[in-house]
């Protein structure tokens, strides 16, 4: 009798762990984004960090990155890549602009 109780307890514990792991992996891996979209978004975020380090970021750059994440979550990978590339381009161009502006003398001679 005691052995059957231990087997039932063990099987219940294993079933619970299995269900918990299944639900956790489902919620974490539920993203419909492709690897290319995730890479594009990561590249955009890196470029945005570089632009923010100079405190020189364009107005809509972060908005495009946010829209890219939303599109990737919805499974529209083409739109996500396009928006992420746009955000990356703007951030990289902002860094170039900052570099150019900081080397130009703007005062009267």
PDB file of N, CA and C in Angstrom:
ATOM      1  N   UNK A   1       0.816  -1.194   0.000  1.00  0.00           N
ATOM      2  CA  UNK A   1       0.000   0.000   0.000  1.00  0.00           C
ATOM      3  C   UNK A   1       0.864   1.265   0.000  1.00  0.00           C
ATOM      4  N   UNK A   2       1.917   1.265   0.807  1.00  0.00           N
ATOM      5  CA  UNK A   2       2.789   2.413   0.872  1.00  0.00           C
ATOM      6  C   UNK A   2       3.546   2.593  -0.440  1.00  0.00           C
ATOM      7  N   UNK A   3       3.915   1.534  -1.126  1.00  0.00           N
ATOM      8  CA  UNK A   3       4.621   1.627  -2.391  1.00  0.00           C
ATOM      9  C   UNK A   3       3.742   2.260  -3.466  1.00  0.00           C
ATOM     10  N   UNK A   4       2.485   1.910  -3.531  1.00  0.00           N
ATOM     11  CA  UNK A   4       1.597   2.491  -4.530  1.00  0.00           C
ATOM     12  C   UNK A   4       1.388   3.988  -4.275  1.00  0.00           C
ATOM     13  N   UNK A   5       1.366   4.396  -2.984  1.00  0.00           N
ATOM     14  CA  UNK A   5       1.241   5.814  -2.656  1.00  0.00           C
ATOM     15  C   UNK A   5       2.466   6.579  -3.135  1.00  0.00           C
ATOM     16  N   UNK A   6       3.658   6.015  -2.924  1.00  0.00           N
ATOM     17  CA  UNK A   6       4.893   6.662  -3.362  1.00  0.00           C
ATOM     18  C   UNK A   6       4.944   6.768  -4.888  1.00  0.00           C
ATOM     19  N   UNK A   7       4.477   5.741  -5.582  1.00  0.00           N
ATOM     20  CA  UNK A   7       4.461   5.771  -7.040  1.00  0.00           C
ATOM     21  C   UNK A   7       3.487   6.837  -7.529  1.00  0.00           C
ATOM     22  N   UNK A   8       2.316   6.922  -6.906  1.00  0.00           N
ATOM     23  CA  UNK A   8       1.338   7.948  -7.283  1.00  0.00           C
ATOM     24  C   UNK A   8       1.899   9.348  -7.009  1.00  0.00           C
ATOM     25  N   UNK A   9       2.557   9.514  -5.876  1.00  0.00           N
ATOM     26  CA  UNK A   9       3.135  10.806  -5.532  1.00  0.00           C
ATOM     27  C   UNK A   9       4.238  11.186  -6.515  1.00  0.00           C
ATOM     28  N   UNK A  10       5.091  10.230  -6.829  1.00  0.00           N
ATOM     29  CA  UNK A  10       6.171  10.482  -7.780  1.00  0.00           C
ATOM     30  C   UNK A  10       5.624  10.801  -9.166  1.00  0.00           C
ATOM     31  N   UNK A  11       4.640  10.039  -9.617  1.00  0.00           N
ATOM     32  CA  UNK A  11       4.081  10.284 -10.943  1.00  0.00           C
ATOM     33  C   UNK A  11       3.361  11.629 -10.997  1.00  0.00           C
ATOM     34  N   UNK A  12       2.710  12.037  -9.915  1.00  0.00           N
ATOM     35  CA  UNK A  12       2.053  13.339  -9.862  1.00  0.00           C
ATOM     36  C   UNK A  12       3.089  14.462  -9.913  1.00  0.00           C
ATOM     37  N   UNK A  13       4.175  14.286  -9.187  1.00  0.00           N
ATOM     38  CA  UNK A  13       5.230  15.298  -9.195  1.00  0.00           C
ATOM     39  C   UNK A  13       5.860  15.421 -10.579  1.00  0.00           C
ATOM     40  N   UNK A  14       6.140  14.279 -11.205  1.00  0.00           N
ATOM     41  CA  UNK A  14       6.727  14.316 -12.542  1.00  0.00           C
ATOM     42  C   UNK A  14       5.786  14.944 -13.558  1.00  0.00           C
ATOM     43  N   UNK A  15       4.514  14.612 -13.474  1.00  0.00           N
ATOM     44  CA  UNK A  15       3.520  15.191 -14.371  1.00  0.00           C
ATOM     45  C   UNK A  15       3.430  16.696 -14.168  1.00  0.00           C
ATOM     46  N   UNK A  16       3.471  17.142 -12.920  1.00  0.00           N
ATOM     47  CA  UNK A  16       3.417  18.578 -12.637  1.00  0.00           C
ATOM     48  C   UNK A  16       4.629  19.304 -13.210  1.00  0.00           C
ATOM     49  N   UNK A  17       5.807  18.745 -13.021  1.00  0.00           N
ATOM     50  CA  UNK A  17       7.026  19.355 -13.562  1.00  0.00           C
ATOM     51  C   UNK A  17       6.972  19.390 -15.083  1.00  0.00           C
ATOM     52  N   UNK A  18       6.512  18.325 -15.685  1.00  0.00           N
ATOM     53  CA  UNK A  18       6.408  18.256 -17.140  1.00  0.00           C
ATOM     54  C   UNK A  18       5.449  19.316 -17.673  1.00  0.00           C
ATOM     55  N   UNK A  19       4.289  19.476 -17.011  1.00  0.00           N
ATOM     56  CA  UNK A  19       3.317  20.481 -17.431  1.00  0.00           C
ATOM     57  C   UNK A  19       3.844  21.896 -17.255  1.00  0.00           C
ATOM     58  N   UNK A  20       4.523  22.137 -16.138  1.00  0.00           N
ATOM     59  CA  UNK A  20       5.078  23.471 -15.895  1.00  0.00           C
ATOM     60  C   UNK A  20       6.125  23.803 -16.944  1.00  0.00           C
ATOM     61  N   UNK A  21       7.000  22.880 -17.245  1.00  0.00           N
ATOM     62  CA  UNK A  21       8.022  23.125 -18.270  1.00  0.00           C
ATOM     63  C   UNK A  21       7.401  23.317 -19.641  1.00  0.00           C
ATOM     64  N   UNK A  22       6.372  22.584 -19.944  1.00  0.00           N
ATOM     65  CA  UNK A  22       5.699  22.728 -21.234  1.00  0.00           C
ATOM     66  C   UNK A  22       5.061  24.087 -21.382  1.00  0.00           C
ATOM     67  N   UNK A  23       4.418  24.567 -20.342  1.00  0.00           N
ATOM     68  CA  UNK A  23       3.788  25.884 -20.390  1.00  0.00           C
ATOM     69  C   UNK A  23       4.827  26.991 -20.437  1.00  0.00           C
ATOM     70  N   UNK A  24       5.912  26.834 -19.703  1.00  0.00           N
ATOM     71  CA  UNK A  24       6.953  27.862 -19.704  1.00  0.00           C
ATOM     72  C   UNK A  24       7.625  27.962 -21.059  1.00  0.00           C
ATOM     73  N   UNK A  25       7.904  26.834 -21.679  1.00  0.00           N
ATOM     74  CA  UNK A  25       8.557  26.894 -22.985  1.00  0.00           C
ATOM     75  C   UNK A  25       7.603  27.405 -24.039  1.00  0.00           C
ATOM     76  N   UNK A  26       6.319  27.180 -23.872  1.00  0.00           N
ATOM     77  CA  UNK A  26       5.335  27.668 -24.826  1.00  0.00           C
ATOM     78  C   UNK A  26       5.211  29.177 -24.766  1.00  0.00           C
ATOM     79  N   UNK A  27       5.215  29.756 -23.564  1.00  0.00           N
ATOM     80  CA  UNK A  27       5.069  31.198 -23.453  1.00  0.00           C
ATOM     81  C   UNK A  27       6.345  31.909 -23.878  1.00  0.00           C
ATOM     82  N   UNK A  28       7.497  31.352 -23.590  1.00  0.00           N
ATOM     83  CA  UNK A  28       8.744  32.003 -23.967  1.00  0.00           C
ATOM     84  C   UNK A  28       9.020  31.850 -25.454  1.00  0.00           C
ATOM     85  N   UNK A  29       8.680  30.734 -26.024  1.00  0.00           N
ATOM     86  CA  UNK A  29       8.962  30.494 -27.430  1.00  0.00           C
ATOM     87  C   UNK A  29       7.775  30.770 -28.323  1.00  0.00           C
ATOM     88  N   UNK A  30       6.786  31.491 -27.831  1.00  0.00           N
ATOM     89  CA  UNK A  30       5.588  31.740 -28.590  1.00  0.00           C
ATOM     90  C   UNK A  30       5.737  32.827 -29.633  1.00  0.00           C
ATOM     91  N   UNK A  31       6.903  33.420 -29.713  1.00  0.00           N
ATOM     92  CA  UNK A  31       7.126  34.484 -30.677  1.00  0.00           C
ATOM     93  C   UNK A  31       7.118  33.923 -32.084  1.00  0.00           C
ATOM     94  N   UNK A  32       6.505  34.666 -32.978  1.00  0.00           N
ATOM     95  CA  UNK A  32       6.416  34.244 -34.364  1.00  0.00           C
ATOM     96  C   UNK A  32       7.514  34.872 -35.211  1.00  0.00           C
ATOM     97  N   UNK A  33       8.442  35.560 -34.576  1.00  0.00           N
ATOM     98  CA  UNK A  33       9.495  36.264 -35.293  1.00  0.00           C
ATOM     99  C   UNK A  33      10.525  35.284 -35.835  1.00  0.00           C
ATOM    100  N   UNK A  34      10.997  35.570 -37.034  1.00  0.00           N
ATOM    101  CA  UNK A  34      12.037  34.741 -37.640  1.00  0.00           C
ATOM    102  C   UNK A  34      13.398  35.143 -37.079  1.00  0.00           C
ATOM    103  N   UNK A  35      14.386  34.333 -37.356  1.00  0.00           N
ATOM    104  CA  UNK A  35      15.747  34.633 -36.895  1.00  0.00           C
ATOM    105  C   UNK A  35      16.261  35.918 -37.542  1.00  0.00           C
ATOM    106  N   UNK A  36      15.908  36.134 -38.811  1.00  0.00           N
ATOM    107  CA  UNK A  36      16.346  37.341 -39.511  1.00  0.00           C
ATOM    108  C   UNK A  36      15.736  38.590 -38.872  1.00  0.00           C
ATOM    109  N   UNK A  37      14.460  38.501 -38.496  1.00  0.00           N
ATOM    110  CA  UNK A  37      13.795  39.639 -37.868  1.00  0.00           C
ATOM    111  C   UNK A  37      14.419  39.920 -36.502  1.00  0.00           C
ATOM    112  N   UNK A  38      14.689  38.874 -35.732  1.00  0.00           N
ATOM    113  CA  UNK A  38      15.319  39.066 -34.420  1.00  0.00           C
ATOM    114  C   UNK A  38      16.700  39.679 -34.559  1.00  0.00           C
ATOM    115  N   UNK A  39      17.452  39.254 -35.557  1.00  0.00           N
ATOM    116  CA  UNK A  39      18.784  39.814 -35.796  1.00  0.00           C
ATOM    117  C   UNK A  39      18.696  41.279 -36.190  1.00  0.00           C
ATOM    118  N   UNK A  40      17.758  41.606 -37.089  1.00  0.00           N
ATOM    119  CA  UNK A  40      17.589  42.996 -37.519  1.00  0.00           C
ATOM    120  C   UNK A  40      17.204  43.891 -36.345  1.00  0.00           C
ATOM    121  N   UNK A  41      16.323  43.392 -35.485  1.00  0.00           N
ATOM    122  CA  UNK A  41      15.903  44.172 -34.317  1.00  0.00           C
ATOM    123  C   UNK A  41      17.070  44.347 -33.350  1.00  0.00           C
ATOM    124  N   UNK A  42      17.855  43.306 -33.155  1.00  0.00           N
ATOM    125  CA  UNK A  42      19.023  43.405 -32.264  1.00  0.00           C
ATOM    126  C   UNK A  42      20.043  44.407 -32.807  1.00  0.00           C
ATOM    127  N   UNK A  43      20.274  44.383 -34.118  1.00  0.00           N
ATOM    128  CA  UNK A  43      21.201  45.338 -34.735  1.00  0.00           C
ATOM    129  C   UNK A  43      20.694  46.763 -34.581  1.00  0.00           C
ATOM    130  N   UNK A  44      19.395  46.956 -34.751  1.00  0.00           N
ATOM    131  CA  UNK A  44      18.811  48.286 -34.575  1.00  0.00           C
ATOM    132  C   UNK A  44      18.976  48.756 -33.136  1.00  0.00           C
ATOM    133  N   UNK A  45      18.735  47.867 -32.183  1.00  0.00           N
ATOM    134  CA  UNK A  45      18.879  48.247 -30.773  1.00  0.00           C
ATOM    135  C   UNK A  45      20.312  48.609 -30.428  1.00  0.00           C
ATOM    136  N   UNK A  46      21.288  47.897 -31.014  1.00  0.00           N
ATOM    137  CA  UNK A  46      22.697  48.230 -30.785  1.00  0.00           C
ATOM    138  C   UNK A  46      23.027  49.610 -31.341  1.00  0.00           C
ATOM    139  N   UNK A  47      22.531  49.905 -32.530  1.00  0.00           N
ATOM    140  CA  UNK A  47      22.773  51.218 -33.139  1.00  0.00           C
ATOM    141  C   UNK A  47      22.097  52.323 -32.329  1.00  0.00           C
ATOM    142  N   UNK A  48      20.916  52.049 -31.800  1.00  0.00           N
ATOM    143  CA  UNK A  48      20.203  53.030 -30.983  1.00  0.00           C
ATOM    144  C   UNK A  48      20.981  53.305 -29.701  1.00  0.00           C
ATOM    145  N   UNK A  49      21.567  52.275 -29.097  1.00  0.00           N
ATOM    146  CA  UNK A  49      22.376  52.479 -27.891  1.00  0.00           C
ATOM    147  C   UNK A  49      23.569  53.380 -28.185  1.00  0.00           C
ATOM    148  N   UNK A  50      24.189  53.192 -29.348  1.00  0.00           N
ATOM    149  CA  UNK A  50      25.332  54.036 -29.719  1.00  0.00           C
ATOM    150  C   UNK A  50      24.892  55.488 -29.905  1.00  0.00           C
ATOM    151  N   UNK A  51      23.745  55.687 -30.526  1.00  0.00           N
ATOM    152  CA  UNK A  51      23.247  57.051 -30.729  1.00  0.00           C
ATOM    153  C   UNK A  51      22.859  57.687 -29.394  1.00  0.00           C
ATOM    154  N   UNK A  52      22.271  56.912 -28.497  1.00  0.00           N
ATOM    155  CA  UNK A  52      21.880  57.450 -27.197  1.00  0.00           C
ATOM    156  C   UNK A  52      23.107  57.768 -26.334  1.00  0.00           C
ATOM    157  N   UNK A  53      24.189  57.049 -26.563  1.00  0.00           N
ATOM    158  CA  UNK A  53      25.407  57.317 -25.799  1.00  0.00           C
ATOM    159  C   UNK A  53      25.907  58.735 -26.074  1.00  0.00           C
ATOM    160  N   UNK A  54      25.661  59.224 -27.280  1.00  0.00           N
ATOM    161  CA  UNK A  54      26.038  60.596 -27.639  1.00  0.00           C
ATOM    162  C   UNK A  54      24.946  61.595 -27.300  1.00  0.00           C
ATOM    163  N   UNK A  55      23.822  61.105 -26.828  1.00  0.00           N
ATOM    164  CA  UNK A  55      22.637  61.925 -26.582  1.00  0.00           C
ATOM    165  C   UNK A  55      22.249  62.654 -27.869  1.00  0.00           C
ATOM    166  N   UNK A  56      22.287  61.901 -28.970  1.00  0.00           N
ATOM    167  CA  UNK A  56      22.022  62.468 -30.287  1.00  0.00           C
ATOM    168  C   UNK A  56      21.256  61.428 -31.099  1.00  0.00           C
ATOM    169  N   UNK A  57      19.970  61.347 -30.839  1.00  0.00           N
ATOM    170  CA  UNK A  57      19.156  60.357 -31.532  1.00  0.00           C
ATOM    171  C   UNK A  57      17.992  61.077 -32.197  1.00  0.00           C
ATOM    172  N   UNK A  58      17.620  60.612 -33.330  1.00  0.00           N
ATOM    173  CA  UNK A  58      16.533  61.253 -34.070  1.00  0.00           C
ATOM    174  C   UNK A  58      15.196  60.941 -33.426  1.00  0.00           C
ATOM    175  N   UNK A  59      14.207  61.757 -33.748  1.00  0.00           N
ATOM    176  CA  UNK A  59      12.895  61.710 -33.100  1.00  0.00           C
ATOM    177  C   UNK A  59      12.185  60.367 -33.232  1.00  0.00           C
ATOM    178  N   UNK A  60      12.123  59.804 -34.421  1.00  0.00           N
ATOM    179  CA  UNK A  60      11.299  58.618 -34.668  1.00  0.00           C
ATOM    180  C   UNK A  60      12.065  57.296 -34.629  1.00  0.00           C
ATOM    181  N   UNK A  61      13.329  57.326 -34.355  1.00  0.00           N
ATOM    182  CA  UNK A  61      14.139  56.110 -34.428  1.00  0.00           C
ATOM    183  C   UNK A  61      13.634  55.035 -33.481  1.00  0.00           C
ATOM    184  N   UNK A  62      13.404  55.388 -32.235  1.00  0.00           N
ATOM    185  CA  UNK A  62      12.927  54.409 -31.255  1.00  0.00           C
ATOM    186  C   UNK A  62      11.505  53.949 -31.565  1.00  0.00           C
ATOM    187  N   UNK A  63      10.715  54.832 -32.159  1.00  0.00           N
ATOM    188  CA  UNK A  63       9.355  54.457 -32.545  1.00  0.00           C
ATOM    189  C   UNK A  63       9.392  53.363 -33.605  1.00  0.00           C
ATOM    190  N   UNK A  64      10.310  53.479 -34.571  1.00  0.00           N
ATOM    191  CA  UNK A  64      10.434  52.451 -35.599  1.00  0.00           C
ATOM    192  C   UNK A  64      10.905  51.123 -35.008  1.00  0.00           C
ATOM    193  N   UNK A  65      11.808  51.178 -34.045  1.00  0.00           N
ATOM    194  CA  UNK A  65      12.277  49.952 -33.389  1.00  0.00           C
ATOM    195  C   UNK A  65      11.137  49.279 -32.628  1.00  0.00           C
ATOM    196  N   UNK A  66      10.308  50.071 -31.959  1.00  0.00           N
ATOM    197  CA  UNK A  66       9.169  49.522 -31.224  1.00  0.00           C
ATOM    198  C   UNK A  66       8.169  48.894 -32.191  1.00  0.00           C
ATOM    199  N   UNK A  67       7.903  49.561 -33.298  1.00  0.00           N
ATOM    200  CA  UNK A  67       6.985  49.010 -34.294  1.00  0.00           C
ATOM    201  C   UNK A  67       7.541  47.722 -34.902  1.00  0.00           C
ATOM    202  N   UNK A  68       8.858  47.651 -35.043  1.00  0.00           N
ATOM    203  CA  UNK A  68       9.486  46.432 -35.581  1.00  0.00           C
ATOM    204  C   UNK A  68       9.272  45.264 -34.617  1.00  0.00           C
ATOM    205  N   UNK A  69       9.422  45.509 -33.321  1.00  0.00           N
ATOM    206  CA  UNK A  69       9.179  44.456 -32.329  1.00  0.00           C
ATOM    207  C   UNK A  69       7.737  43.989 -32.367  1.00  0.00           C
ATOM    208  N   UNK A  70       6.811  44.940 -32.489  1.00  0.00           N
ATOM    209  CA  UNK A  70       5.399  44.584 -32.537  1.00  0.00           C
ATOM    210  C   UNK A  70       5.075  43.761 -33.785  1.00  0.00           C
ATOM    211  N   UNK A  71       5.641  44.157 -34.921  1.00  0.00           N
ATOM    212  CA  UNK A  71       5.403  43.418 -36.161  1.00  0.00           C
ATOM    213  C   UNK A  71       5.990  42.010 -36.072  1.00  0.00           C
ATOM    214  N   UNK A  72       7.164  41.890 -35.456  1.00  0.00           N
ATOM    215  CA  UNK A  72       7.777  40.570 -35.304  1.00  0.00           C
ATOM    216  C   UNK A  72       6.933  39.686 -34.391  1.00  0.00           C
ATOM    217  N   UNK A  73       6.397  40.266 -33.329  1.00  0.00           N
ATOM    218  CA  UNK A  73       5.544  39.494 -32.422  1.00  0.00           C
ATOM    219  C   UNK A  73       4.272  39.027 -33.113  1.00  0.00           C
ATOM    220  N   UNK A  74       3.789  39.839 -34.054  1.00  0.00           N
ATOM    221  CA  UNK A  74       2.574  39.481 -34.786  1.00  0.00           C
ATOM    222  C   UNK A  74       2.853  38.501 -35.920  1.00  0.00           C
ATOM    223  N   UNK A  75       4.126  38.266 -36.208  1.00  0.00           N
ATOM    224  CA  UNK A  75       4.488  37.319 -37.259  1.00  0.00           C
ATOM    225  C   UNK A  75       4.730  37.946 -38.614  1.00  0.00           C
ATOM    226  N   UNK A  76       4.680  39.271 -38.706  1.00  0.00           N
ATOM    227  CA  UNK A  76       4.938  39.962 -39.971  1.00  0.00           C
ATOM    228  C   UNK A  76       6.435  40.264 -40.061  1.00  0.00           C
ATOM    229  N   UNK A  77       7.197  39.250 -40.425  1.00  0.00           N
ATOM    230  CA  UNK A  77       8.653  39.365 -40.412  1.00  0.00           C
ATOM    231  C   UNK A  77       9.182  40.349 -41.448  1.00  0.00           C
ATOM    232  N   UNK A  78       8.552  40.429 -42.600  1.00  0.00           N
ATOM    233  CA  UNK A  78       9.006  41.354 -43.640  1.00  0.00           C
ATOM    234  C   UNK A  78       8.906  42.792 -43.147  1.00  0.00           C
ATOM    235  N   UNK A  79       7.778  43.135 -42.551  1.00  0.00           N
ATOM    236  CA  UNK A  79       7.582  44.481 -42.020  1.00  0.00           C
ATOM    237  C   UNK A  79       8.543  44.744 -40.866  1.00  0.00           C
ATOM    238  N   UNK A  80       8.746  43.741 -40.026  1.00  0.00           N
ATOM    239  CA  UNK A  80       9.649  43.895 -38.881  1.00  0.00           C
ATOM    240  C   UNK A  80      11.076  44.183 -39.342  1.00  0.00           C
ATOM    241  N   UNK A  81      11.528  43.456 -40.344  1.00  0.00           N
ATOM    242  CA  UNK A  81      12.890  43.668 -40.860  1.00  0.00           C
ATOM    243  C   UNK A  81      13.006  45.052 -41.485  1.00  0.00           C
ATOM    244  N   UNK A  82      11.995  45.456 -42.247  1.00  0.00           N
ATOM    245  CA  UNK A  82      12.015  46.765 -42.899  1.00  0.00           C
ATOM    246  C   UNK A  82      12.080  47.886 -41.865  1.00  0.00           C
ATOM    247  N   UNK A  83      11.246  47.799 -40.820  1.00  0.00           N
ATOM    248  CA  UNK A  83      11.241  48.825 -39.781  1.00  0.00           C
ATOM    249  C   UNK A  83      12.524  48.819 -38.959  1.00  0.00           C
ATOM    250  N   UNK A  84      13.041  47.640 -38.663  1.00  0.00           N
ATOM    251  CA  UNK A  84      14.291  47.546 -37.896  1.00  0.00           C
ATOM    252  C   UNK A  84      15.454  48.119 -38.694  1.00  0.00           C
ATOM    253  N   UNK A  85      15.480  47.838 -39.989  1.00  0.00           N
ATOM    254  CA  UNK A  85      16.540  48.407 -40.830  1.00  0.00           C
ATOM    255  C   UNK A  85      16.430  49.924 -40.903  1.00  0.00           C
ATOM    256  N   UNK A  86      15.215  50.425 -40.931  1.00  0.00           N
ATOM    257  CA  UNK A  86      15.003  51.874 -40.952  1.00  0.00           C
ATOM    258  C   UNK A  86      15.504  52.499 -39.645  1.00  0.00           C
ATOM    259  N   UNK A  87      15.185  51.861 -38.521  1.00  0.00           N
ATOM    260  CA  UNK A  87      15.636  52.363 -37.226  1.00  0.00           C
ATOM    261  C   UNK A  87      17.160  52.306 -37.122  1.00  0.00           C
ATOM    262  N   UNK A  88      17.763  51.209 -37.608  1.00  0.00           N
ATOM    263  CA  UNK A  88      19.226  51.091 -37.576  1.00  0.00           C
ATOM    264  C   UNK A  88      19.873  52.165 -38.437  1.00  0.00           C
ATOM    265  N   UNK A  89      19.329  52.383 -39.637  1.00  0.00           N
ATOM    266  CA  UNK A  89      19.875  53.407 -40.528  1.00  0.00           C
ATOM    267  C   UNK A  89      19.816  54.782 -39.866  1.00  0.00           C
ATOM    268  N   UNK A  90      18.675  55.116 -39.270  1.00  0.00           N
ATOM    269  CA  UNK A  90      18.543  56.420 -38.628  1.00  0.00           C
ATOM    270  C   UNK A  90      19.513  56.571 -37.464  1.00  0.00           C
ATOM    271  N   UNK A  91      19.676  55.518 -36.678  1.00  0.00           N
ATOM    272  CA  UNK A  91      20.581  55.601 -35.536  1.00  0.00           C
ATOM    273  C   UNK A  91      22.030  55.746 -35.990  1.00  0.00           C
ATOM    274  N   UNK A  92      22.424  54.970 -37.007  1.00  0.00           N
ATOM    275  CA  UNK A  92      23.795  55.073 -37.520  1.00  0.00           C
ATOM    276  C   UNK A  92      24.044  56.437 -38.152  1.00  0.00           C
ATOM    277  N   UNK A  93      23.052  56.970 -38.843  1.00  0.00           N
ATOM    278  CA  UNK A  93      23.194  58.281 -39.457  1.00  0.00           C
ATOM    279  C   UNK A  93      23.248  59.367 -38.393  1.00  0.00           C
ATOM    280  N   UNK A  94      22.524  59.198 -37.315  1.00  0.00           N
ATOM    281  CA  UNK A  94      22.580  60.158 -36.214  1.00  0.00           C
ATOM    282  C   UNK A  94      23.977  60.187 -35.593  1.00  0.00           C
ATOM    283  N   UNK A  95      24.606  59.020 -35.474  1.00  0.00           N
ATOM    284  CA  UNK A  95      25.970  58.965 -34.930  1.00  0.00           C
ATOM    285  C   UNK A  95      26.937  59.686 -35.876  1.00  0.00           C
ATOM    286  N   UNK A  96      26.779  59.471 -37.177  1.00  0.00           N
ATOM    287  CA  UNK A  96      27.625  60.173 -38.160  1.00  0.00           C
ATOM    288  C   UNK A  96      27.391  61.677 -38.101  1.00  0.00           C
ATOM    289  N   UNK A  97      26.132  62.071 -37.971  1.00  0.00           N
ATOM    290  CA  UNK A  97      25.803  63.480 -37.889  1.00  0.00           C
ATOM    291  C   UNK A  97      26.426  64.105 -36.634  1.00  0.00           C
ATOM    292  N   UNK A  98      26.348  63.399 -35.526  1.00  0.00           N
ATOM    293  CA  UNK A  98      26.944  63.896 -34.286  1.00  0.00           C
ATOM    294  C   UNK A  98      28.448  64.102 -34.468  1.00  0.00           C
ATOM    295  N   UNK A  99      29.089  63.133 -35.096  1.00  0.00           N
ATOM    296  CA  UNK A  99      30.524  63.238 -35.322  1.00  0.00           C
ATOM    297  C   UNK A  99      30.858  64.440 -36.194  1.00  0.00           C
ATOM    298  N   UNK A 100      30.094  64.631 -37.241  1.00  0.00           N
ATOM    299  CA  UNK A 100      30.341  65.754 -38.137  1.00  0.00           C
ATOM    300  C   UNK A 100      30.060  67.086 -37.437  1.00  0.00           C
ATOM    301  N   UNK A 101      28.952  67.163 -36.718  1.00  0.00           N
ATOM    302  CA  UNK A 101      28.602  68.407 -36.034  1.00  0.00           C
ATOM    303  C   UNK A 101      29.609  68.761 -34.944  1.00  0.00           C
ATOM    304  N   UNK A 102      30.156  67.770 -34.284  1.00  0.00           N
ATOM    305  CA  UNK A 102      31.095  68.062 -33.197  1.00  0.00           C
ATOM    306  C   UNK A 102      32.466  68.495 -33.705  1.00  0.00           C
ATOM    307  N   UNK A 103      32.767  68.219 -34.966  1.00  0.00           N
ATOM    308  CA  UNK A 103      34.061  68.641 -35.516  1.00  0.00           C
ATOM    309  C   UNK A 103      33.979  69.977 -36.243  1.00  0.00           C
ATOM    310  N   UNK A 104      32.788  70.459 -36.527  1.00  0.00           N
ATOM    311  CA  UNK A 104      32.621  71.729 -37.235  1.00  0.00           C
ATOM    312  C   UNK A 104      32.608  72.881 -36.242  1.00  0.00           C
ATOM    313  N   UNK A 105      33.364  73.903 -36.547  1.00  0.00           N
ATOM    314  CA  UNK A 105      33.355  75.083 -35.703  1.00  0.00           C
ATOM    315  C   UNK A 105      32.168  75.951 -36.125  1.00  0.00           C
ATOM    316  N   UNK A 106      31.324  76.283 -35.181  1.00  0.00           N
ATOM    317  CA  UNK A 106      30.107  77.036 -35.484  1.00  0.00           C
ATOM    318  C   UNK A 106      30.178  78.497 -35.031  1.00  0.00           C
ATOM    319  N   UNK A 107      31.233  78.879 -34.386  1.00  0.00           N
ATOM    320  CA  UNK A 107      31.318  80.245 -33.888  1.00  0.00           C
ATOM    321  C   UNK A 107      31.827  81.197 -34.952  1.00  0.00           C
ATOM    322  N   UNK A 108      31.742  82.501 -34.652  1.00  0.00           N
ATOM    323  CA  UNK A 108      32.277  83.526 -35.540  1.00  0.00           C
ATOM    324  C   UNK A 108      33.778  83.584 -35.366  1.00  0.00           C
ATOM    325  N   UNK A 109      34.475  83.807 -36.436  1.00  0.00           N
ATOM    326  CA  UNK A 109      35.942  83.891 -36.331  1.00  0.00           C
ATOM    327  C   UNK A 109      36.405  85.282 -36.185  1.00  0.00           C
TER     328      UNK A 109
END
